[in-house]
Each structure stands twice: as C-alpha cells, then as structure tokens.
C-alpha cells in the first residue's frame, strides 16, 4: 500500500513541477523575446532563464511532495504548498548565487 502511494506521489510531483515550470517559464521566455527584439540577448540572459525555470519546477515538485506527505485539509494544504514552494525557490536561488 505504501509503495503504491509513493509511486503516485512521485508521478504527481513530477507532473506538477513541469506544469508549474511551464506556467511560470512563459514569463521568463517573454523577457527573452523582448531582449532579442531590442538586441540585448546574450548567454547570461539564457542562463538566467534556464535557472529560473528549473528552480520554479523543482520548488513546485517539492511543494506537492510536502502536501502529499503531510496531508491535512484544504487550508493546511494551501499553506504548506505556499510555504514549501517559497522556501524551495529561495534555497534554489541562494544555492546558485
């Protein structure tokens, strides 16, 4: 029973992370398009984009795992998701700087 739940949680976390990365990544891609249009696109901008999208994706996956492991009602789940995603993204950004 536990292994089945672990497999489901792992799959959902990966999917949620990818969806979060896609939603938030479009903002960063818009910035790249603007930089390309103005002629200021460089490798630093592309690196920043990759770093942001990867961080958002990882933080989203971590928040889904935390909510799944801790459980609770809808209010608790929302608080847990927001807290872990914010903390995960902050740790990601601190680690890469």
PDB file of N, CA and C in Angstrom:
ATOM      1  N   UNK A   1       0.824  -1.200   0.000  1.00  0.00           N
ATOM      2  CA  UNK A   1       0.000   0.000   0.000  1.00  0.00           C
ATOM      3  C   UNK A   1       0.866   1.261   0.000  1.00  0.00           C
ATOM      4  N   UNK A   2       1.890   1.269   0.829  1.00  0.00           N
ATOM      5  CA  UNK A   2       2.750   2.454   0.910  1.00  0.00           C
ATOM      6  C   UNK A   2       3.505   2.663  -0.395  1.00  0.00           C
ATOM      7  N   UNK A   3       3.958   1.577  -1.017  1.00  0.00           N
ATOM      8  CA  UNK A   3       4.705   1.717  -2.263  1.00  0.00           C
ATOM      9  C   UNK A   3       3.836   2.270  -3.375  1.00  0.00           C
ATOM     10  N   UNK A   4       2.568   1.868  -3.416  1.00  0.00           N
ATOM     11  CA  UNK A   4       1.643   2.411  -4.403  1.00  0.00           C
ATOM     12  C   UNK A   4       1.458   3.901  -4.229  1.00  0.00           C
ATOM     13  N   UNK A   5       1.328   4.344  -2.975  1.00  0.00           N
ATOM     14  CA  UNK A   5       1.169   5.763  -2.688  1.00  0.00           C
ATOM     15  C   UNK A   5       2.429   6.534  -3.060  1.00  0.00           C
ATOM     16  N   UNK A   6       3.578   5.948  -2.809  1.00  0.00           N
ATOM     17  CA  UNK A   6       4.843   6.598  -3.147  1.00  0.00           C
ATOM     18  C   UNK A   6       4.971   6.778  -4.654  1.00  0.00           C
ATOM     19  N   UNK A   7       4.586   5.777  -5.416  1.00  0.00           N
ATOM     20  CA  UNK A   7       4.653   5.886  -6.878  1.00  0.00           C
ATOM     21  C   UNK A   7       3.722   6.969  -7.392  1.00  0.00           C
ATOM     22  N   UNK A   8       2.510   7.022  -6.863  1.00  0.00           N
ATOM     23  CA  UNK A   8       1.545   8.037  -7.284  1.00  0.00           C
ATOM     24  C   UNK A   8       2.052   9.423  -6.915  1.00  0.00           C
ATOM     25  N   UNK A   9       2.553   9.573  -5.691  1.00  0.00           N
ATOM     26  CA  UNK A   9       3.045  10.870  -5.228  1.00  0.00           C
ATOM     27  C   UNK A   9       4.227  11.338  -6.065  1.00  0.00           C
ATOM     28  N   UNK A  10       5.111  10.432  -6.415  1.00  0.00           N
ATOM     29  CA  UNK A  10       6.262  10.782  -7.248  1.00  0.00           C
ATOM     30  C   UNK A  10       5.821  11.250  -8.629  1.00  0.00           C
ATOM     31  N   UNK A  11       4.861  10.539  -9.209  1.00  0.00           N
ATOM     32  CA  UNK A  11       4.372  10.907 -10.534  1.00  0.00           C
ATOM     33  C   UNK A  11       3.664  12.260 -10.502  1.00  0.00           C
ATOM     34  N   UNK A  12       2.817  12.476  -9.499  1.00  0.00           N
ATOM     35  CA  UNK A  12       2.089  13.740  -9.389  1.00  0.00           C
ATOM     36  C   UNK A  12       3.051  14.891  -9.139  1.00  0.00           C
ATOM     37  N   UNK A  13       4.071  14.680  -8.322  1.00  0.00           N
ATOM     38  CA  UNK A  13       5.046  15.730  -8.043  1.00  0.00           C
ATOM     39  C   UNK A  13       5.791  16.133  -9.307  1.00  0.00           C
ATOM     40  N   UNK A  14       6.185  15.149 -10.086  1.00  0.00           N
ATOM     41  CA  UNK A  14       6.896  15.459 -11.330  1.00  0.00           C
ATOM     42  C   UNK A  14       6.001  16.228 -12.297  1.00  0.00           C
ATOM     43  N   UNK A  15       4.763  15.786 -12.432  1.00  0.00           N
ATOM     44  CA  UNK A  15       3.839  16.463 -13.342  1.00  0.00           C
ATOM     45  C   UNK A  15       3.531  17.878 -12.870  1.00  0.00           C
ATOM     46  N   UNK A  16       3.313  18.047 -11.579  1.00  0.00           N
ATOM     47  CA  UNK A  16       3.020  19.384 -11.050  1.00  0.00           C
ATOM     48  C   UNK A  16       4.214  20.312 -11.216  1.00  0.00           C
ATOM     49  N   UNK A  17       5.403  19.790 -11.017  1.00  0.00           N
ATOM     50  CA  UNK A  17       6.593  20.599 -11.219  1.00  0.00           C
ATOM     51  C   UNK A  17       6.735  21.056 -12.655  1.00  0.00           C
ATOM     52  N   UNK A  18       6.474  20.165 -13.592  1.00  0.00           N
ATOM     53  CA  UNK A  18       6.565  20.539 -15.006  1.00  0.00           C
ATOM     54  C   UNK A  18       5.493  21.551 -15.391  1.00  0.00           C
ATOM     55  N   UNK A  19       4.294  21.377 -14.874  1.00  0.00           N
ATOM     56  CA  UNK A  19       3.220  22.339 -15.164  1.00  0.00           C
ATOM     57  C   UNK A  19       3.571  23.700 -14.576  1.00  0.00           C
ATOM     58  N   UNK A  20       4.066  23.719 -13.344  1.00  0.00           N
ATOM     59  CA  UNK A  20       4.473  24.983 -12.728  1.00  0.00           C
ATOM     60  C   UNK A  20       5.588  25.656 -13.503  1.00  0.00           C
ATOM     61  N   UNK A  21       6.546  24.862 -13.966  1.00  0.00           N
ATOM     62  CA  UNK A  21       7.626  25.409 -14.771  1.00  0.00           C
ATOM     63  C   UNK A  21       7.134  25.985 -16.087  1.00  0.00           C
ATOM     64  N   UNK A  22       6.156  25.315 -16.686  1.00  0.00           N
ATOM     65  CA  UNK A  22       5.610  25.819 -17.952  1.00  0.00           C
ATOM     66  C   UNK A  22       4.858  27.124 -17.741  1.00  0.00           C
ATOM     67  N   UNK A  23       4.043  27.190 -16.697  1.00  0.00           N
ATOM     68  CA  UNK A  23       3.275  28.410 -16.445  1.00  0.00           C
ATOM     69  C   UNK A  23       4.178  29.586 -16.094  1.00  0.00           C
ATOM     70  N   UNK A  24       5.128  29.356 -15.204  1.00  0.00           N
ATOM     71  CA  UNK A  24       5.996  30.450 -14.784  1.00  0.00           C
ATOM     72  C   UNK A  24       7.118  30.703 -15.781  1.00  0.00           C
ATOM     73  N   UNK A  25       7.487  29.690 -16.535  1.00  0.00           N
ATOM     74  CA  UNK A  25       8.540  29.843 -17.521  1.00  0.00           C
ATOM     75  C   UNK A  25       8.157  30.741 -18.676  1.00  0.00           C
ATOM     76  N   UNK A  26       6.863  30.848 -18.965  1.00  0.00           N
ATOM     77  CA  UNK A  26       6.459  31.701 -20.088  1.00  0.00           C
ATOM     78  C   UNK A  26       6.787  33.162 -19.819  1.00  0.00           C
ATOM     79  N   UNK A  27       6.774  33.567 -18.552  1.00  0.00           N
ATOM     80  CA  UNK A  27       7.133  34.946 -18.207  1.00  0.00           C
ATOM     81  C   UNK A  27       8.598  35.211 -18.544  1.00  0.00           C
ATOM     82  N   UNK A  28       9.438  34.261 -18.211  1.00  0.00           N
ATOM     83  CA  UNK A  28      10.861  34.416 -18.476  1.00  0.00           C
ATOM     84  C   UNK A  28      11.125  34.371 -19.981  1.00  0.00           C
ATOM     85  N   UNK A  29      10.405  33.517 -20.696  1.00  0.00           N
ATOM     86  CA  UNK A  29      10.571  33.458 -22.150  1.00  0.00           C
ATOM     87  C   UNK A  29      10.119  34.755 -22.820  1.00  0.00           C
ATOM     88  N   UNK A  30       9.126  35.399 -22.240  1.00  0.00           N
ATOM     89  CA  UNK A  30       8.696  36.699 -22.747  1.00  0.00           C
ATOM     90  C   UNK A  30       9.816  37.727 -22.597  1.00  0.00           C
ATOM     91  N   UNK A  31      10.534  37.656 -21.479  1.00  0.00           N
ATOM     92  CA  UNK A  31      11.668  38.564 -21.277  1.00  0.00           C
ATOM     93  C   UNK A  31      12.758  38.309 -22.323  1.00  0.00           C
ATOM     94  N   UNK A  32      12.987  37.040 -22.659  1.00  0.00           N
ATOM     95  CA  UNK A  32      13.991  36.716 -23.679  1.00  0.00           C
ATOM     96  C   UNK A  32      13.566  37.285 -25.029  1.00  0.00           C
ATOM     97  N   UNK A  33      12.276  37.134 -25.352  1.00  0.00           N
ATOM     98  CA  UNK A  33      11.787  37.665 -26.635  1.00  0.00           C
ATOM     99  C   UNK A  33      11.963  39.179 -26.685  1.00  0.00           C
ATOM    100  N   UNK A  34      11.714  39.847 -25.568  1.00  0.00           N
ATOM    101  CA  UNK A  34      11.892  41.295 -25.521  1.00  0.00           C
ATOM    102  C   UNK A  34      13.359  41.653 -25.690  1.00  0.00           C
ATOM    103  N   UNK A  35      14.251  40.913 -25.021  1.00  0.00           N
ATOM    104  CA  UNK A  35      15.683  41.184 -25.152  1.00  0.00           C
ATOM    105  C   UNK A  35      16.174  40.938 -26.575  1.00  0.00           C
ATOM    106  N   UNK A  36      15.638  39.894 -27.209  1.00  0.00           N
ATOM    107  CA  UNK A  36      16.037  39.604 -28.586  1.00  0.00           C
ATOM    108  C   UNK A  36      15.584  40.721 -29.521  1.00  0.00           C
ATOM    109  N   UNK A  37      14.386  41.223 -29.265  1.00  0.00           N
ATOM    110  CA  UNK A  37      13.845  42.292 -30.111  1.00  0.00           C
ATOM    111  C   UNK A  37      14.671  43.571 -29.974  1.00  0.00           C
ATOM    112  N   UNK A  38      15.130  43.854 -28.759  1.00  0.00           N
ATOM    113  CA  UNK A  38      15.926  45.061 -28.542  1.00  0.00           C
ATOM    114  C   UNK A  38      17.407  44.844 -28.853  1.00  0.00           C
ATOM    115  N   UNK A  39      17.797  43.591 -29.115  1.00  0.00           N
ATOM    116  CA  UNK A  39      19.190  43.313 -29.460  1.00  0.00           C
ATOM    117  C   UNK A  39      20.095  43.109 -28.266  1.00  0.00           C
ATOM    118  N   UNK A  40      19.534  42.938 -27.072  1.00  0.00           N
ATOM    119  CA  UNK A  40      20.372  42.771 -25.881  1.00  0.00           C
ATOM    120  C   UNK A  40      20.385  41.332 -25.371  1.00  0.00           C
ATOM    121  N   UNK A  41      20.054  40.375 -26.221  1.00  0.00           N
ATOM    122  CA  UNK A  41      20.047  38.970 -25.828  1.00  0.00           C
ATOM    123  C   UNK A  41      21.470  38.443 -25.817  1.00  0.00           C
ATOM    124  N   UNK A  42      21.841  37.792 -24.723  1.00  0.00           N
ATOM    125  CA  UNK A  42      23.171  37.206 -24.615  1.00  0.00           C
ATOM    126  C   UNK A  42      23.099  35.901 -23.826  1.00  0.00           C
ATOM    127  N   UNK A  43      24.222  35.251 -23.636  1.00  0.00           N
ATOM    128  CA  UNK A  43      24.238  33.954 -22.953  1.00  0.00           C
ATOM    129  C   UNK A  43      23.849  34.088 -21.482  1.00  0.00           C
ATOM    130  N   UNK A  44      24.117  35.236 -20.884  1.00  0.00           N
ATOM    131  CA  UNK A  44      23.741  35.450 -19.482  1.00  0.00           C
ATOM    132  C   UNK A  44      22.217  35.426 -19.328  1.00  0.00           C
ATOM    133  N   UNK A  45      21.512  36.008 -20.270  1.00  0.00           N
ATOM    134  CA  UNK A  45      20.050  36.011 -20.232  1.00  0.00           C
ATOM    135  C   UNK A  45      19.510  34.595 -20.387  1.00  0.00           C
ATOM    136  N   UNK A  46      20.098  33.824 -21.281  1.00  0.00           N
ATOM    137  CA  UNK A  46      19.658  32.447 -21.497  1.00  0.00           C
ATOM    138  C   UNK A  46      19.926  31.604 -20.249  1.00  0.00           C
ATOM    139  N   UNK A  47      21.075  31.793 -19.610  1.00  0.00           N
ATOM    140  CA  UNK A  47      21.400  31.080 -18.371  1.00  0.00           C
ATOM    141  C   UNK A  47      20.400  31.435 -17.281  1.00  0.00           C
ATOM    142  N   UNK A  48      20.095  32.717 -17.150  1.00  0.00           N
ATOM    143  CA  UNK A  48      19.136  33.163 -16.142  1.00  0.00           C
ATOM    144  C   UNK A  48      17.778  32.512 -16.363  1.00  0.00           C
ATOM    145  N   UNK A  49      17.371  32.422 -17.620  1.00  0.00           N
ATOM    146  CA  UNK A  49      16.083  31.802 -17.951  1.00  0.00           C
ATOM    147  C   UNK A  49      16.058  30.337 -17.540  1.00  0.00           C
ATOM    148  N   UNK A  50      17.075  29.616 -17.892  1.00  0.00           N
ATOM    149  CA  UNK A  50      17.148  28.202 -17.523  1.00  0.00           C
ATOM    150  C   UNK A  50      17.143  27.994 -16.030  1.00  0.00           C
ATOM    151  N   UNK A  51      17.888  28.846 -15.322  1.00  0.00           N
ATOM    152  CA  UNK A  51      17.958  28.756 -13.866  1.00  0.00           C
ATOM    153  C   UNK A  51      16.594  29.021 -13.229  1.00  0.00           C
ATOM    154  N   UNK A  52      15.895  30.031 -13.710  1.00  0.00           N
ATOM    155  CA  UNK A  52      14.585  30.372 -13.158  1.00  0.00           C
ATOM    156  C   UNK A  52      13.563  29.265 -13.390  1.00  0.00           C
ATOM    157  N   UNK A  53      13.508  28.754 -14.608  1.00  0.00           N
ATOM    158  CA  UNK A  53      12.530  27.712 -14.932  1.00  0.00           C
ATOM    159  C   UNK A  53      12.835  26.431 -14.146  1.00  0.00           C
ATOM    160  N   UNK A  54      14.094  26.063 -14.046  1.00  0.00           N
ATOM    161  CA  UNK A  54      14.457  24.863 -13.282  1.00  0.00           C
ATOM    162  C   UNK A  54      14.129  25.036 -11.800  1.00  0.00           C
ATOM    163  N   UNK A  55      14.390  26.219 -11.265  1.00  0.00           N
ATOM    164  CA  UNK A  55      14.081  26.475  -9.853  1.00  0.00           C
ATOM    165  C   UNK A  55      12.593  26.431  -9.566  1.00  0.00           C
ATOM    166  N   UNK A  56      11.806  27.010 -10.448  1.00  0.00           N
ATOM    167  CA  UNK A  56      10.351  27.003 -10.272  1.00  0.00           C
ATOM    168  C   UNK A  56       9.824  25.575 -10.368  1.00  0.00           C
ATOM    169  N   UNK A  57      10.351  24.812 -11.311  1.00  0.00           N
ATOM    170  CA  UNK A  57       9.921  23.427 -11.483  1.00  0.00           C
ATOM    171  C   UNK A  57      10.254  22.589 -10.252  1.00  0.00           C
ATOM    172  N   UNK A  58      11.470  22.722  -9.745  1.00  0.00           N
ATOM    173  CA  UNK A  58      11.878  21.963  -8.560  1.00  0.00           C
ATOM    174  C   UNK A  58      11.068  22.362  -7.335  1.00  0.00           C
ATOM    175  N   UNK A  59      10.854  23.652  -7.151  1.00  0.00           N
ATOM    176  CA  UNK A  59      10.090  24.114  -5.991  1.00  0.00           C
ATOM    177  C   UNK A  59       8.644  23.630  -6.048  1.00  0.00           C
ATOM    178  N   UNK A  60       8.062  23.617  -7.227  1.00  0.00           N
ATOM    179  CA  UNK A  60       6.694  23.112  -7.376  1.00  0.00           C
ATOM    180  C   UNK A  60       6.598  21.636  -7.041  1.00  0.00           C
ATOM    181  N   UNK A  61       7.569  20.861  -7.498  1.00  0.00           N
ATOM    182  CA  UNK A  61       7.571  19.427  -7.191  1.00  0.00           C
ATOM    183  C   UNK A  61       7.743  19.179  -5.702  1.00  0.00           C
ATOM    184  N   UNK A  62       8.614  19.936  -5.053  1.00  0.00           N
ATOM    185  CA  UNK A  62       8.820  19.787  -3.613  1.00  0.00           C
ATOM    186  C   UNK A  62       7.551  20.130  -2.842  1.00  0.00           C
ATOM    187  N   UNK A  63       6.845  21.158  -3.260  1.00  0.00           N
ATOM    188  CA  UNK A  63       5.626  21.540  -2.547  1.00  0.00           C
ATOM    189  C   UNK A  63       4.549  20.470  -2.672  1.00  0.00           C
ATOM    190  N   UNK A  64       4.450  19.829  -3.830  1.00  0.00           N
ATOM    191  CA  UNK A  64       3.465  18.749  -3.991  1.00  0.00           C
ATOM    192  C   UNK A  64       3.817  17.565  -3.101  1.00  0.00           C
ATOM    193  N   UNK A  65       5.085  17.229  -3.025  1.00  0.00           N
ATOM    194  CA  UNK A  65       5.509  16.135  -2.150  1.00  0.00           C
ATOM    195  C   UNK A  65       5.208  16.473  -0.690  1.00  0.00           C
ATOM    196  N   UNK A  66       5.482  17.697  -0.281  1.00  0.00           N
ATOM    197  CA  UNK A  66       5.226  18.089   1.108  1.00  0.00           C
ATOM    198  C   UNK A  66       3.746  18.010   1.441  1.00  0.00           C
ATOM    199  N   UNK A  67       2.900  18.500   0.558  1.00  0.00           N
ATOM    200  CA  UNK A  67       1.453  18.447   0.797  1.00  0.00           C
ATOM    201  C   UNK A  67       0.989  16.994   0.863  1.00  0.00           C
ATOM    202  N   UNK A  68       1.493  16.161  -0.027  1.00  0.00           N
ATOM    203  CA  UNK A  68       1.107  14.753  -0.028  1.00  0.00           C
ATOM    204  C   UNK A  68       1.562  14.011   1.211  1.00  0.00           C
ATOM    205  N   UNK A  69       2.746  14.350   1.716  1.00  0.00           N
ATOM    206  CA  UNK A  69       3.271  13.662   2.889  1.00  0.00           C
ATOM    207  C   UNK A  69       2.597  14.137   4.167  1.00  0.00           C
ATOM    208  N   UNK A  70       2.335  15.425   4.267  1.00  0.00           N
ATOM    209  CA  UNK A  70       1.775  15.978   5.495  1.00  0.00           C
ATOM    210  C   UNK A  70       0.263  15.832   5.521  1.00  0.00           C
ATOM    211  N   UNK A  71      -0.370  16.058   4.382  1.00  0.00           N
ATOM    212  CA  UNK A  71      -1.825  15.921   4.309  1.00  0.00           C
ATOM    213  C   UNK A  71      -2.521  17.091   4.994  1.00  0.00           C
ATOM    214  N   UNK A  72      -3.716  16.854   5.464  1.00  0.00           N
ATOM    215  CA  UNK A  72      -4.480  17.900   6.130  1.00  0.00           C
ATOM    216  C   UNK A  72      -5.608  18.379   5.241  1.00  0.00           C
ATOM    217  N   UNK A  73      -6.328  19.354   5.710  1.00  0.00           N
ATOM    218  CA  UNK A  73      -7.438  19.917   4.960  1.00  0.00           C
ATOM    219  C   UNK A  73      -6.964  20.847   3.866  1.00  0.00           C
ATOM    220  N   UNK A  74      -7.914  21.470   3.206  1.00  0.00           N
ATOM    221  CA  UNK A  74      -7.585  22.351   2.083  1.00  0.00           C
ATOM    222  C   UNK A  74      -6.787  23.567   2.540  1.00  0.00           C
ATOM    223  N   UNK A  75      -7.165  24.152   3.657  1.00  0.00           N
ATOM    224  CA  UNK A  75      -6.448  25.342   4.146  1.00  0.00           C
ATOM    225  C   UNK A  75      -5.010  24.985   4.518  1.00  0.00           C
ATOM    226  N   UNK A  76      -4.838  23.870   5.204  1.00  0.00           N
ATOM    227  CA  UNK A  76      -3.485  23.447   5.589  1.00  0.00           C
ATOM    228  C   UNK A  76      -2.656  23.119   4.351  1.00  0.00           C
ATOM    229  N   UNK A  77      -3.280  22.487   3.371  1.00  0.00           N
ATOM    230  CA  UNK A  77      -2.561  22.140   2.147  1.00  0.00           C
ATOM    231  C   UNK A  77      -2.085  23.374   1.401  1.00  0.00           C
ATOM    232  N   UNK A  78      -2.930  24.402   1.350  1.00  0.00           N
ATOM    233  CA  UNK A  78      -2.546  25.639   0.667  1.00  0.00           C
ATOM    234  C   UNK A  78      -1.385  26.306   1.385  1.00  0.00           C
ATOM    235  N   UNK A  79      -1.452  26.360   2.713  1.00  0.00           N
ATOM    236  CA  UNK A  79      -0.368  26.983   3.497  1.00  0.00           C
ATOM    237  C   UNK A  79       0.924  26.200   3.326  1.00  0.00           C
ATOM    238  N   UNK A  80       0.837  24.880   3.391  1.00  0.00           N
ATOM    239  CA  UNK A  80       2.027  24.040   3.237  1.00  0.00           C
ATOM    240  C   UNK A  80       2.628  24.216   1.841  1.00  0.00           C
ATOM    241  N   UNK A  81       1.774  24.231   0.819  1.00  0.00           N
ATOM    242  CA  UNK A  81       2.264  24.383  -0.558  1.00  0.00           C
ATOM    243  C   UNK A  81       2.955  25.725  -0.750  1.00  0.00           C
ATOM    244  N   UNK A  82       2.328  26.790  -0.269  1.00  0.00           N
ATOM    245  CA  UNK A  82       2.937  28.120  -0.425  1.00  0.00           C
ATOM    246  C   UNK A  82       4.252  28.224   0.328  1.00  0.00           C
ATOM    247  N   UNK A  83       4.272  27.705   1.550  1.00  0.00           N
ATOM    248  CA  UNK A  83       5.487  27.801   2.358  1.00  0.00           C
ATOM    249  C   UNK A  83       6.634  26.995   1.751  1.00  0.00           C
ATOM    250  N   UNK A  84       6.350  25.764   1.356  1.00  0.00           N
ATOM    251  CA  UNK A  84       7.438  24.936   0.822  1.00  0.00           C
ATOM    252  C   UNK A  84       7.897  25.397  -0.553  1.00  0.00           C
ATOM    253  N   UNK A  85       6.977  25.883  -1.382  1.00  0.00           N
ATOM    254  CA  UNK A  85       7.406  26.363  -2.695  1.00  0.00           C
ATOM    255  C   UNK A  85       8.236  27.633  -2.558  1.00  0.00           C
ATOM    256  N   UNK A  86       7.820  28.532  -1.688  1.00  0.00           N
ATOM    257  CA  UNK A  86       8.597  29.757  -1.470  1.00  0.00           C
ATOM    258  C   UNK A  86       9.973  29.439  -0.909  1.00  0.00           C
ATOM    259  N   UNK A  87      10.011  28.558   0.080  1.00  0.00           N
ATOM    260  CA  UNK A  87      11.293  28.190   0.686  1.00  0.00           C
ATOM    261  C   UNK A  87      12.175  27.448  -0.315  1.00  0.00           C
ATOM    262  N   UNK A  88      11.579  26.554  -1.083  1.00  0.00           N
ATOM    263  CA  UNK A  88      12.352  25.809  -2.080  1.00  0.00           C
ATOM    264  C   UNK A  88      12.968  26.707  -3.127  1.00  0.00           C
ATOM    265  N   UNK A  89      12.204  27.669  -3.609  1.00  0.00           N
ATOM    266  CA  UNK A  89      12.728  28.603  -4.628  1.00  0.00           C
ATOM    267  C   UNK A  89      13.818  29.489  -4.030  1.00  0.00           C
ATOM    268  N   UNK A  90      13.631  29.912  -2.802  1.00  0.00           N
ATOM    269  CA  UNK A  90      14.635  30.759  -2.142  1.00  0.00           C
ATOM    270  C   UNK A  90      15.957  29.987  -1.949  1.00  0.00           C
ATOM    271  N   UNK A  91      15.842  28.727  -1.522  1.00  0.00           N
ATOM    272  CA  UNK A  91      17.034  27.907  -1.347  1.00  0.00           C
ATOM    273  C   UNK A  91      17.721  27.665  -2.691  1.00  0.00           C
ATOM    274  N   UNK A  92      16.929  27.415  -3.733  1.00  0.00           N
ATOM    275  CA  UNK A  92      17.469  27.225  -5.079  1.00  0.00           C
ATOM    276  C   UNK A  92      18.253  28.461  -5.522  1.00  0.00           C
ATOM    277  N   UNK A  93      17.662  29.631  -5.327  1.00  0.00           N
ATOM    278  CA  UNK A  93      18.318  30.867  -5.753  1.00  0.00           C
ATOM    279  C   UNK A  93      19.591  31.130  -4.948  1.00  0.00           C
ATOM    280  N   UNK A  94      19.555  30.872  -3.641  1.00  0.00           N
ATOM    281  CA  UNK A  94      20.744  31.084  -2.805  1.00  0.00           C
ATOM    282  C   UNK A  94      21.856  30.115  -3.189  1.00  0.00           C
ATOM    283  N   UNK A  95      21.482  28.880  -3.530  1.00  0.00           N
ATOM    284  CA  UNK A  95      22.479  27.872  -3.884  1.00  0.00           C
ATOM    285  C   UNK A  95      23.187  28.160  -5.194  1.00  0.00           C
ATOM    286  N   UNK A  96      22.509  28.820  -6.126  1.00  0.00           N
ATOM    287  CA  UNK A  96      23.116  29.095  -7.429  1.00  0.00           C
ATOM    288  C   UNK A  96      23.821  30.432  -7.502  1.00  0.00           C
ATOM    289  N   UNK A  97      23.703  31.232  -6.476  1.00  0.00           N
ATOM    290  CA  UNK A  97      24.380  32.544  -6.483  1.00  0.00           C
ATOM    291  C   UNK A  97      25.680  32.506  -5.742  1.00  0.00           C
TER     292      UNK A  97
END
